Amino acid sequence: MKKFPVTIPIMLIVVVIAMWMLEKDYSEINFMTRIMISVGAGIFSGLISFFLFRFDKINNK
């Protein structure tokens, strides 16, 4: 699967940014809830990037 090397880093970047934003702006939310929100955002962004990124196949003739 050629999409996974692109999808996994996008998911990780989204999780890190979501945790940072939730820590900075919404510190009153407890830690486990922030983790669940961030992981959910990462999975959602991974699904979007997996289905929306198109990789062209090179026709070797």
Protein backbone atom coordinates (compact mmCIF):
# COMPACT_ATOMS: atom_id res chain seq x y z
CA MET A 1 0.00 0.00 0.00
CA LYS A 2 1.64 3.20 -1.17
CA LYS A 3 -0.71 5.42 0.83
CA PHE A 4 0.44 4.33 4.31
CA PRO A 5 3.83 6.11 4.28
CA VAL A 6 1.93 9.37 3.77
CA THR A 7 -1.10 8.63 5.96
CA ILE A 8 0.72 7.63 9.16
CA PRO A 9 2.82 10.84 9.46
CA ILE A 10 -0.29 12.95 8.83
CA MET A 11 -2.07 11.13 11.65
CA LEU A 12 0.85 11.66 14.02
CA ILE A 13 1.13 15.35 13.17
CA VAL A 14 -2.60 15.85 13.78
CA VAL A 15 -2.41 14.06 17.15
CA VAL A 16 0.55 16.16 18.30
CA ILE A 17 -1.02 19.44 17.18
CA ALA A 18 -4.39 18.52 18.72
CA MET A 19 -2.75 17.68 22.06
CA TRP A 20 -0.80 20.95 21.98
CA MET A 21 -3.89 23.02 21.15
CA LEU A 22 -6.03 21.30 23.79
CA GLU A 23 -3.29 21.77 26.40
CA LYS A 24 -2.82 25.43 25.51
CA ASP A 25 -6.43 26.57 25.12
CA TYR A 26 -8.53 24.05 27.06
CA SER A 27 -6.43 23.04 30.04
CA GLU A 28 -9.54 22.49 32.18
CA ILE A 29 -10.34 19.30 30.22
CA ASN A 30 -8.83 16.29 31.97
CA PHE A 31 -5.91 14.45 30.39
CA MET A 32 -7.71 11.25 29.34
CA THR A 33 -10.40 13.21 27.51
CA ARG A 34 -7.73 15.22 25.68
CA ILE A 35 -6.04 11.99 24.63
CA MET A 36 -9.31 10.54 23.33
CA ILE A 37 -10.12 13.72 21.39
CA SER A 38 -6.62 13.83 19.88
CA VAL A 39 -6.60 10.15 18.90
CA GLY A 40 -10.05 10.52 17.36
CA ALA A 41 -8.86 13.49 15.35
CA GLY A 42 -5.80 11.53 14.21
CA ILE A 43 -7.86 8.55 13.10
CA PHE A 44 -10.34 10.80 11.31
CA SER A 45 -7.58 12.67 9.48
CA GLY A 46 -5.95 9.36 8.57
CA LEU A 47 -9.18 8.10 7.02
CA ILE A 48 -9.66 11.31 5.09
CA SER A 49 -6.10 11.30 3.78
CA PHE A 50 -6.26 7.59 2.90
CA PHE A 51 -9.35 7.99 0.75
CA LEU A 52 -8.69 11.42 -0.75
CA PHE A 53 -5.04 11.16 -1.73
CA ARG A 54 -4.69 9.79 -5.19
CA PHE A 55 -1.56 8.13 -6.35
CA ASP A 56 -1.15 7.84 -10.09
CA LYS A 57 0.04 4.56 -11.44
CA ILE A 58 2.81 4.81 -13.98
CA ASN A 59 2.08 2.81 -17.11
CA ASN A 60 5.27 1.21 -18.31
CA LYS A 61 4.78 0.18 -21.91
